[in-house]
């Protein structure tokens, strides 16, 4: 699916639509430059899963866990990650693919080893203009 998004409200609605098709163990891999809308989309996905908490970017903490929805939502941001060991040190691998969890990962290419063997919904976000973003997403099963 590809669409040009013109507002945060619209991005939030797309996130809710994505959430409607998620199940425990799913991984949503968010690709895009800084400011492309990854955290805004995450807010919509979390809301669509019934999470009522305020969603914030885990840029400095690496990982935020949200309870209270249909599934536990784990939001991982690897932008400032030095190496995958930082995530394993805080137990992130326990969440990835867990049956009661939906993982939303910003900058997933930085943890490709941890994600190996896991299917994902890949979402690409690009700047079109100051107020427009292009979003493309598809399910990406791993091949053995």
C-alpha atoms as a PDB file:
ATOM      1  CA  UNK A   1       0.000   0.000   0.000  1.00  0.00           C
ATOM      2  CA  UNK A   2       1.251   3.500  -0.788  1.00  0.00           C
ATOM      3  CA  UNK A   3      -0.312   6.800   0.212  1.00  0.00           C
ATOM      4  CA  UNK A   4       0.597  10.470   0.628  1.00  0.00           C
ATOM      5  CA  UNK A   5      -0.283  11.644   4.136  1.00  0.00           C
ATOM      6  CA  UNK A   6      -1.019  15.317   4.758  1.00  0.00           C
ATOM      7  CA  UNK A   7      -1.629  15.484   8.517  1.00  0.00           C
ATOM      8  CA  UNK A   8      -0.802  13.863  11.851  1.00  0.00           C
ATOM      9  CA  UNK A   9      -4.476  12.936  12.154  1.00  0.00           C
ATOM     10  CA  UNK A  10      -4.294  11.047   8.867  1.00  0.00           C
ATOM     11  CA  UNK A  11      -1.028   9.331   9.923  1.00  0.00           C
ATOM     12  CA  UNK A  12      -2.712   8.336  13.175  1.00  0.00           C
ATOM     13  CA  UNK A  13      -5.656   6.854  11.247  1.00  0.00           C
ATOM     14  CA  UNK A  14      -3.289   4.800   9.069  1.00  0.00           C
ATOM     15  CA  UNK A  15      -1.587   3.540  12.232  1.00  0.00           C
ATOM     16  CA  UNK A  16      -4.960   2.416  13.578  1.00  0.00           C
ATOM     17  CA  UNK A  17      -5.684   0.644  10.284  1.00  0.00           C
ATOM     18  CA  UNK A  18      -2.362  -1.188  10.493  1.00  0.00           C
ATOM     19  CA  UNK A  19      -3.126  -2.133  14.111  1.00  0.00           C
ATOM     20  CA  UNK A  20      -6.420  -3.719  13.089  1.00  0.00           C
ATOM     21  CA  UNK A  21      -4.466  -6.445  11.278  1.00  0.00           C
ATOM     22  CA  UNK A  22      -1.768  -7.061  13.912  1.00  0.00           C
ATOM     23  CA  UNK A  23      -1.503 -10.045  16.206  1.00  0.00           C
ATOM     24  CA  UNK A  24       0.786 -10.941  19.077  1.00  0.00           C
ATOM     25  CA  UNK A  25       4.320 -11.644  17.909  1.00  0.00           C
ATOM     26  CA  UNK A  26       4.134  -9.193  15.012  1.00  0.00           C
ATOM     27  CA  UNK A  27       6.968  -6.799  14.278  1.00  0.00           C
ATOM     28  CA  UNK A  28       6.403  -3.459  12.577  1.00  0.00           C
ATOM     29  CA  UNK A  29       9.683  -2.231  11.094  1.00  0.00           C
ATOM     30  CA  UNK A  30       9.688   1.534  10.511  1.00  0.00           C
ATOM     31  CA  UNK A  31      12.130   2.930   7.956  1.00  0.00           C
ATOM     32  CA  UNK A  32      12.564   6.642   7.307  1.00  0.00           C
ATOM     33  CA  UNK A  33      14.616   9.730   7.951  1.00  0.00           C
ATOM     34  CA  UNK A  34      14.375  11.837  11.100  1.00  0.00           C
ATOM     35  CA  UNK A  35      11.061  13.632  11.235  1.00  0.00           C
ATOM     36  CA  UNK A  36       9.389  11.369   8.679  1.00  0.00           C
ATOM     37  CA  UNK A  37       6.568  10.418  11.055  1.00  0.00           C
ATOM     38  CA  UNK A  38       7.687   7.133  12.617  1.00  0.00           C
ATOM     39  CA  UNK A  39       6.690   8.050  16.169  1.00  0.00           C
ATOM     40  CA  UNK A  40       3.417   9.608  14.985  1.00  0.00           C
ATOM     41  CA  UNK A  41       2.568   6.376  13.180  1.00  0.00           C
ATOM     42  CA  UNK A  42       3.524   4.425  16.321  1.00  0.00           C
ATOM     43  CA  UNK A  43       1.030   6.494  18.317  1.00  0.00           C
ATOM     44  CA  UNK A  44      -1.716   5.471  15.888  1.00  0.00           C
ATOM     45  CA  UNK A  45      -0.750   1.797  15.991  1.00  0.00           C
ATOM     46  CA  UNK A  46      -0.681   1.796  19.796  1.00  0.00           C
ATOM     47  CA  UNK A  47      -4.050   3.583  19.970  1.00  0.00           C
ATOM     48  CA  UNK A  48      -5.473   1.052  17.521  1.00  0.00           C
ATOM     49  CA  UNK A  49      -4.330  -1.723  19.867  1.00  0.00           C
ATOM     50  CA  UNK A  50      -6.056  -0.029  22.802  1.00  0.00           C
ATOM     51  CA  UNK A  51      -3.021   1.492  24.523  1.00  0.00           C
ATOM     52  CA  UNK A  52      -4.177   4.593  26.357  1.00  0.00           C
ATOM     53  CA  UNK A  53      -0.756   5.814  27.541  1.00  0.00           C
ATOM     54  CA  UNK A  54       1.086   8.727  25.958  1.00  0.00           C
ATOM     55  CA  UNK A  55       3.515   7.308  23.395  1.00  0.00           C
ATOM     56  CA  UNK A  56       6.931   8.964  23.330  1.00  0.00           C
ATOM     57  CA  UNK A  57      10.024   8.271  21.303  1.00  0.00           C
ATOM     58  CA  UNK A  58      12.516   5.990  23.068  1.00  0.00           C
ATOM     59  CA  UNK A  59      15.437   7.681  21.303  1.00  0.00           C
ATOM     60  CA  UNK A  60      17.482   7.954  24.500  1.00  0.00           C
ATOM     61  CA  UNK A  61      16.070   4.978  26.439  1.00  0.00           C
ATOM     62  CA  UNK A  62      16.098   2.637  23.395  1.00  0.00           C
ATOM     63  CA  UNK A  63      12.912   0.864  24.472  1.00  0.00           C
ATOM     64  CA  UNK A  64       9.490   1.761  25.894  1.00  0.00           C
ATOM     65  CA  UNK A  65       6.924  -0.822  27.007  1.00  0.00           C
ATOM     66  CA  UNK A  66       3.211  -0.023  27.017  1.00  0.00           C
ATOM     67  CA  UNK A  67       0.551  -2.161  28.704  1.00  0.00           C
ATOM     68  CA  UNK A  68      -3.209  -2.054  28.796  1.00  0.00           C
ATOM     69  CA  UNK A  69      -4.108  -2.774  25.204  1.00  0.00           C
ATOM     70  CA  UNK A  70      -4.965  -5.877  23.235  1.00  0.00           C
ATOM     71  CA  UNK A  71      -1.239  -6.711  23.289  1.00  0.00           C
ATOM     72  CA  UNK A  72       1.774  -5.335  25.088  1.00  0.00           C
ATOM     73  CA  UNK A  73       3.375  -2.772  22.763  1.00  0.00           C
ATOM     74  CA  UNK A  74       7.157  -2.463  22.751  1.00  0.00           C
ATOM     75  CA  UNK A  75       8.519   0.575  20.918  1.00  0.00           C
ATOM     76  CA  UNK A  76      12.219   0.316  20.101  1.00  0.00           C
ATOM     77  CA  UNK A  77      14.274   3.137  18.588  1.00  0.00           C
ATOM     78  CA  UNK A  78      17.779   2.120  17.533  1.00  0.00           C
ATOM     79  CA  UNK A  79      18.847   5.502  16.118  1.00  0.00           C
ATOM     80  CA  UNK A  80      21.460   6.091  18.856  1.00  0.00           C
ATOM     81  CA  UNK A  81      22.356   2.415  19.254  1.00  0.00           C
ATOM     82  CA  UNK A  82      26.089   1.670  19.168  1.00  0.00           C
ATOM     83  CA  UNK A  83      25.616  -2.072  18.623  1.00  0.00           C
ATOM     84  CA  UNK A  84      23.038  -4.805  19.195  1.00  0.00           C
ATOM     85  CA  UNK A  85      24.632  -5.713  22.532  1.00  0.00           C
ATOM     86  CA  UNK A  86      23.067  -2.580  24.039  1.00  0.00           C
ATOM     87  CA  UNK A  87      19.613  -3.982  23.291  1.00  0.00           C
ATOM     88  CA  UNK A  88      20.388  -7.489  24.449  1.00  0.00           C
ATOM     89  CA  UNK A  89      21.742  -6.022  27.703  1.00  0.00           C
ATOM     90  CA  UNK A  90      18.280  -4.614  28.459  1.00  0.00           C
ATOM     91  CA  UNK A  91      16.474  -7.800  27.362  1.00  0.00           C
ATOM     92  CA  UNK A  92      14.974  -6.537  24.109  1.00  0.00           C
ATOM     93  CA  UNK A  93      15.283  -9.933  22.432  1.00  0.00           C
ATOM     94  CA  UNK A  94      12.734 -11.288  24.933  1.00  0.00           C
ATOM     95  CA  UNK A  95      10.098  -9.004  23.386  1.00  0.00           C
ATOM     96  CA  UNK A  96      10.871  -9.558  19.699  1.00  0.00           C
ATOM     97  CA  UNK A  97       8.386 -12.092  18.380  1.00  0.00           C
ATOM     98  CA  UNK A  98       6.809 -12.732  21.815  1.00  0.00           C
ATOM     99  CA  UNK A  99       3.223 -13.999  21.473  1.00  0.00           C
ATOM    100  CA  UNK A 100       1.753 -11.343  23.781  1.00  0.00           C
ATOM    101  CA  UNK A 101       3.659  -8.439  22.223  1.00  0.00           C
ATOM    102  CA  UNK A 102       3.632  -6.230  19.154  1.00  0.00           C
ATOM    103  CA  UNK A 103       7.078  -4.715  18.545  1.00  0.00           C
ATOM    104  CA  UNK A 104       7.400  -1.447  16.674  1.00  0.00           C
ATOM    105  CA  UNK A 105      11.007  -0.816  15.701  1.00  0.00           C
ATOM    106  CA  UNK A 106      12.468   2.411  14.342  1.00  0.00           C
ATOM    107  CA  UNK A 107      15.696   2.027  12.362  1.00  0.00           C
ATOM    108  CA  UNK A 108      15.376  -1.809  12.210  1.00  0.00           C
ATOM    109  CA  UNK A 109      18.323  -2.144   9.829  1.00  0.00           C
ATOM    110  CA  UNK A 110      20.606  -1.477  12.814  1.00  0.00           C
ATOM    111  CA  UNK A 111      19.475  -4.706  14.526  1.00  0.00           C
ATOM    112  CA  UNK A 112      19.177  -7.034  11.557  1.00  0.00           C
ATOM    113  CA  UNK A 113      20.814  -9.918  13.455  1.00  0.00           C
ATOM    114  CA  UNK A 114      18.204  -9.724  16.242  1.00  0.00           C
ATOM    115  CA  UNK A 115      15.412  -9.615  13.663  1.00  0.00           C
ATOM    116  CA  UNK A 116      16.731 -12.468  11.510  1.00  0.00           C
ATOM    117  CA  UNK A 117      14.148 -15.186  11.130  1.00  0.00           C
ATOM    118  CA  UNK A 118      11.219 -12.948  12.152  1.00  0.00           C
ATOM    119  CA  UNK A 119       8.522 -11.826   9.742  1.00  0.00           C
ATOM    120  CA  UNK A 120       7.702  -8.138   9.742  1.00  0.00           C
ATOM    121  CA  UNK A 121       5.425  -5.489   8.371  1.00  0.00           C
ATOM    122  CA  UNK A 122       7.842  -3.107   6.673  1.00  0.00           C
ATOM    123  CA  UNK A 123       6.809   0.537   6.619  1.00  0.00           C
ATOM    124  CA  UNK A 124       8.754   3.188   4.701  1.00  0.00           C
ATOM    125  CA  UNK A 125       8.115   6.859   5.414  1.00  0.00           C
ATOM    126  CA  UNK A 126       9.526   9.609   3.195  1.00  0.00           C
ATOM    127  CA  UNK A 127       9.301  13.404   3.169  1.00  0.00           C
ATOM    128  CA  UNK A 128       7.336  14.664   0.167  1.00  0.00           C
ATOM    129  CA  UNK A 129       7.148  18.251   1.390  1.00  0.00           C
ATOM    130  CA  UNK A 130       7.133  20.104   4.702  1.00  0.00           C
ATOM    131  CA  UNK A 131       3.596  18.919   5.454  1.00  0.00           C
ATOM    132  CA  UNK A 132       3.372  15.722   3.407  1.00  0.00           C
ATOM    133  CA  UNK A 133       4.792  12.261   3.920  1.00  0.00           C
ATOM    134  CA  UNK A 134       4.672   9.229   1.673  1.00  0.00           C
ATOM    135  CA  UNK A 135       3.979   5.965   3.443  1.00  0.00           C
ATOM    136  CA  UNK A 136       4.460   2.525   1.912  1.00  0.00           C
ATOM    137  CA  UNK A 137       3.982  -0.715   3.755  1.00  0.00           C
ATOM    138  CA  UNK A 138       3.950  -4.415   3.081  1.00  0.00           C
ATOM    139  CA  UNK A 139       4.256  -7.705   4.895  1.00  0.00           C
ATOM    140  CA  UNK A 140       7.769  -9.147   4.528  1.00  0.00           C
ATOM    141  CA  UNK A 141       8.032 -12.822   5.426  1.00  0.00           C
ATOM    142  CA  UNK A 142      11.539 -14.146   6.024  1.00  0.00           C
ATOM    143  CA  UNK A 143      12.776 -16.723   3.559  1.00  0.00           C
ATOM    144  CA  UNK A 144      14.761 -19.648   4.837  1.00  0.00           C
END
